[in-house]
Amino acid sequence: MISELVTLLNNAYTPNDSIKFASIVLMKDGSKFVGVSVKNAVFRDGIYAEQIAIASAVAKGYKKGDFEKIYLMVNTNDIRDLKYLNRNIITEFFEPEKSVILYTANEDNRVLKVGNLYNNIY
């Protein structure tokens, strides 16, 4: 999964921001959906990588409860940069006991449960 996330990071579009994110959502049936951060000059108009991955699954007909795991990677070596993940969209579609696997560029990682996402991630 790490090599796929690294490849995805290269596709992120963040012209005015050096921080990039990639996400892979794994479904209970084994299907995968991917997303990358997309930003423009107006920072508030950015799209989260996890939003794209989850929305892609929903567009294919998946529903709340069909989601197994989510992987996120940031292109920095600071795990604290993952505090910018979109907790709301993840908790909407994933059950509380499902895993959120966070990676940095140097492959430092944390595994959290969706139900604990509102706690400090580092």
C-alpha atoms as a PDB file:
ATOM      1  CA  MET A   1       0.000   0.000   0.000  1.00  0.00           C
ATOM      2  CA  ILE A   2       2.914   2.345   0.732  1.00  0.00           C
ATOM      3  CA  SER A   3       4.220   2.318  -2.841  1.00  0.00           C
ATOM      4  CA  GLU A   4       0.735   3.060  -4.172  1.00  0.00           C
ATOM      5  CA  LEU A   5       0.400   5.992  -1.780  1.00  0.00           C
ATOM      6  CA  VAL A   6       3.804   7.370  -2.798  1.00  0.00           C
ATOM      7  CA  THR A   7       2.794   7.184  -6.468  1.00  0.00           C
ATOM      8  CA  LEU A   8      -0.487   8.934  -5.709  1.00  0.00           C
ATOM      9  CA  LEU A   9       1.304  11.762  -3.886  1.00  0.00           C
ATOM     10  CA  ASN A  10       2.923  12.672  -7.187  1.00  0.00           C
ATOM     11  CA  ASN A  11      -0.544  13.242  -8.662  1.00  0.00           C
ATOM     12  CA  ALA A  12      -1.685  15.682  -5.976  1.00  0.00           C
ATOM     13  CA  TYR A  13      -2.317  19.225  -7.198  1.00  0.00           C
ATOM     14  CA  THR A  14      -1.234  21.827  -4.653  1.00  0.00           C
ATOM     15  CA  PRO A  15       0.397  24.686  -6.574  1.00  0.00           C
ATOM     16  CA  ASN A  16       0.644  27.059  -3.613  1.00  0.00           C
ATOM     17  CA  ASP A  17       1.100  24.582  -0.792  1.00  0.00           C
ATOM     18  CA  SER A  18       3.985  22.184  -0.248  1.00  0.00           C
ATOM     19  CA  ILE A  19       1.914  19.694   1.782  1.00  0.00           C
ATOM     20  CA  LYS A  20       0.275  16.956  -0.285  1.00  0.00           C
ATOM     21  CA  PHE A  21      -1.926  14.053   0.729  1.00  0.00           C
ATOM     22  CA  ALA A  22      -2.896  10.723  -0.818  1.00  0.00           C
ATOM     23  CA  SER A  23      -5.588   8.286   0.252  1.00  0.00           C
ATOM     24  CA  ILE A  24      -6.648   4.742  -0.528  1.00  0.00           C
ATOM     25  CA  VAL A  25      -9.978   3.388   0.663  1.00  0.00           C
ATOM     26  CA  LEU A  26     -10.307  -0.380   0.910  1.00  0.00           C
ATOM     27  CA  MET A  27     -13.815  -1.777   0.698  1.00  0.00           C
ATOM     28  CA  LYS A  28     -15.100  -4.894   2.446  1.00  0.00           C
ATOM     29  CA  ASP A  29     -15.279  -6.676  -0.930  1.00  0.00           C
ATOM     30  CA  GLY A  30     -11.597  -5.886  -1.649  1.00  0.00           C
ATOM     31  CA  SER A  31     -12.173  -3.024  -4.101  1.00  0.00           C
ATOM     32  CA  LYS A  32      -9.945   0.050  -3.779  1.00  0.00           C
ATOM     33  CA  PHE A  33     -10.573   3.712  -4.449  1.00  0.00           C
ATOM     34  CA  VAL A  34      -7.944   6.431  -4.456  1.00  0.00           C
ATOM     35  CA  GLY A  35      -7.751  10.156  -3.956  1.00  0.00           C
ATOM     36  CA  VAL A  36      -5.233  12.983  -3.769  1.00  0.00           C
ATOM     37  CA  SER A  37      -5.377  16.496  -2.409  1.00  0.00           C
ATOM     38  CA  VAL A  38      -6.460  19.105  -4.943  1.00  0.00           C
ATOM     39  CA  LYS A  39      -6.031  22.784  -4.091  1.00  0.00           C
ATOM     40  CA  ASN A  40      -6.025  26.082  -5.907  1.00  0.00           C
ATOM     41  CA  ALA A  41      -4.829  29.567  -5.025  1.00  0.00           C
ATOM     42  CA  VAL A  42      -7.705  29.964  -2.564  1.00  0.00           C
ATOM     43  CA  PHE A  43      -6.717  27.491   0.146  1.00  0.00           C
ATOM     44  CA  ARG A  44     -10.227  27.065   1.528  1.00  0.00           C
ATOM     45  CA  ASP A  45     -11.329  25.645  -1.815  1.00  0.00           C
ATOM     46  CA  GLY A  46      -9.164  22.534  -1.508  1.00  0.00           C
ATOM     47  CA  ILE A  47     -10.470  18.984  -1.760  1.00  0.00           C
ATOM     48  CA  TYR A  48      -9.203  16.384   0.662  1.00  0.00           C
ATOM     49  CA  ALA A  49      -7.677  13.170  -0.683  1.00  0.00           C
ATOM     50  CA  GLU A  50      -9.992  11.096   1.509  1.00  0.00           C
ATOM     51  CA  GLN A  51     -13.039  12.973   0.201  1.00  0.00           C
ATOM     52  CA  ILE A  52     -12.151  12.003  -3.354  1.00  0.00           C
ATOM     53  CA  ALA A  53     -11.510   8.346  -2.468  1.00  0.00           C
ATOM     54  CA  ILE A  54     -14.733   8.012  -0.462  1.00  0.00           C
ATOM     55  CA  ALA A  55     -16.795   9.917  -3.043  1.00  0.00           C
ATOM     56  CA  SER A  56     -15.440   7.670  -5.805  1.00  0.00           C
ATOM     57  CA  ALA A  57     -16.659   4.612  -3.890  1.00  0.00           C
ATOM     58  CA  VAL A  58     -20.060   6.190  -3.318  1.00  0.00           C
ATOM     59  CA  ALA A  59     -20.297   7.079  -7.025  1.00  0.00           C
ATOM     60  CA  LYS A  60     -19.791   3.371  -7.796  1.00  0.00           C
ATOM     61  CA  GLY A  61     -22.716   2.447  -5.538  1.00  0.00           C
ATOM     62  CA  TYR A  62     -21.026   1.669  -2.221  1.00  0.00           C
ATOM     63  CA  LYS A  63     -22.877   2.668   0.934  1.00  0.00           C
ATOM     64  CA  LYS A  64     -22.095   3.473   4.531  1.00  0.00           C
ATOM     65  CA  GLY A  65     -20.960   0.211   6.119  1.00  0.00           C
ATOM     66  CA  ASP A  66     -19.229  -1.082   2.952  1.00  0.00           C
ATOM     67  CA  PHE A  67     -15.920   0.567   3.918  1.00  0.00           C
ATOM     68  CA  GLU A  68     -13.195  -1.570   5.521  1.00  0.00           C
ATOM     69  CA  LYS A  69     -10.033   0.554   5.926  1.00  0.00           C
ATOM     70  CA  ILE A  70      -8.546   3.868   4.908  1.00  0.00           C
ATOM     71  CA  TYR A  71      -4.888   4.676   4.272  1.00  0.00           C
ATOM     72  CA  LEU A  72      -3.563   8.233   4.226  1.00  0.00           C
ATOM     73  CA  MET A  73      -0.102   9.550   3.466  1.00  0.00           C
ATOM     74  CA  VAL A  74       1.408  13.018   3.712  1.00  0.00           C
ATOM     75  CA  ASN A  75       4.507  14.023   1.743  1.00  0.00           C
ATOM     76  CA  THR A  76       6.268  15.353   4.845  1.00  0.00           C
ATOM     77  CA  ASN A  77       8.125  13.509   7.601  1.00  0.00           C
ATOM     78  CA  ASP A  78       5.930  14.971  10.336  1.00  0.00           C
ATOM     79  CA  ILE A  79       3.059  12.730  11.436  1.00  0.00           C
ATOM     80  CA  ARG A  80       1.389  15.819  12.937  1.00  0.00           C
ATOM     81  CA  ASP A  81       0.649  17.085   9.418  1.00  0.00           C
ATOM     82  CA  LEU A  82      -1.994  14.375   9.214  1.00  0.00           C
ATOM     83  CA  LYS A  83      -4.074  16.382  11.690  1.00  0.00           C
ATOM     84  CA  TYR A  84      -5.533  18.013   8.567  1.00  0.00           C
ATOM     85  CA  LEU A  85      -7.442  14.885   7.555  1.00  0.00           C
ATOM     86  CA  ASN A  86     -11.198  15.228   7.122  1.00  0.00           C
ATOM     87  CA  ARG A  87     -12.534  13.423  10.165  1.00  0.00           C
ATOM     88  CA  ASN A  88     -16.158  14.194   9.310  1.00  0.00           C
ATOM     89  CA  ILE A  89     -16.233  12.368   5.974  1.00  0.00           C
ATOM     90  CA  ILE A  90     -14.365   9.366   7.412  1.00  0.00           C
ATOM     91  CA  THR A  91     -16.645   8.991  10.438  1.00  0.00           C
ATOM     92  CA  GLU A  92     -19.695   9.338   8.194  1.00  0.00           C
ATOM     93  CA  PHE A  93     -18.873   6.251   6.126  1.00  0.00           C
ATOM     94  CA  PHE A  94     -16.668   4.032   8.327  1.00  0.00           C
ATOM     95  CA  GLU A  95     -17.771   2.096  11.383  1.00  0.00           C
ATOM     96  CA  PRO A  96     -16.050   3.186  14.632  1.00  0.00           C
ATOM     97  CA  GLU A  97     -13.922   0.018  14.930  1.00  0.00           C
ATOM     98  CA  LYS A  98     -12.447   0.300  11.413  1.00  0.00           C
ATOM     99  CA  SER A  99      -8.791   1.264  10.958  1.00  0.00           C
ATOM    100  CA  VAL A 100      -7.256   4.497   9.732  1.00  0.00           C
ATOM    101  CA  ILE A 101      -3.628   3.936   8.766  1.00  0.00           C
ATOM    102  CA  LEU A 102      -1.538   7.106   8.585  1.00  0.00           C
ATOM    103  CA  TYR A 103       1.882   7.336   6.913  1.00  0.00           C
ATOM    104  CA  THR A 104       4.501  10.015   6.480  1.00  0.00           C
ATOM    105  CA  ALA A 105       6.959  10.251   3.579  1.00  0.00           C
ATOM    106  CA  ASN A 106       9.596   8.449   5.657  1.00  0.00           C
ATOM    107  CA  GLU A 107       7.047   5.688   6.386  1.00  0.00           C
ATOM    108  CA  ASP A 108       6.488   6.591  10.025  1.00  0.00           C
ATOM    109  CA  ASN A 109       2.985   5.372  10.730  1.00  0.00           C
ATOM    110  CA  ARG A 110       0.116   5.369  13.176  1.00  0.00           C
ATOM    111  CA  VAL A 111      -2.931   3.139  13.209  1.00  0.00           C
ATOM    112  CA  LEU A 112      -6.076   4.597  14.712  1.00  0.00           C
ATOM    113  CA  LYS A 113      -9.648   3.482  14.996  1.00  0.00           C
ATOM    114  CA  VAL A 114     -12.256   5.634  13.299  1.00  0.00           C
ATOM    115  CA  GLY A 115     -14.024   6.026  16.629  1.00  0.00           C
ATOM    116  CA  ASN A 116     -10.898   7.700  18.054  1.00  0.00           C
ATOM    117  CA  LEU A 117     -10.278  10.178  15.237  1.00  0.00           C
ATOM    118  CA  TYR A 118     -11.394  13.162  17.257  1.00  0.00           C
ATOM    119  CA  ASN A 119      -8.669  12.467  19.815  1.00  0.00           C
ATOM    120  CA  ASN A 120      -5.151  13.729  19.244  1.00  0.00           C
ATOM    121  CA  ILE A 121      -3.550  11.715  16.394  1.00  0.00           C
ATOM    122  CA  TYR A 122       0.070  12.000  17.544  1.00  0.00           C
END
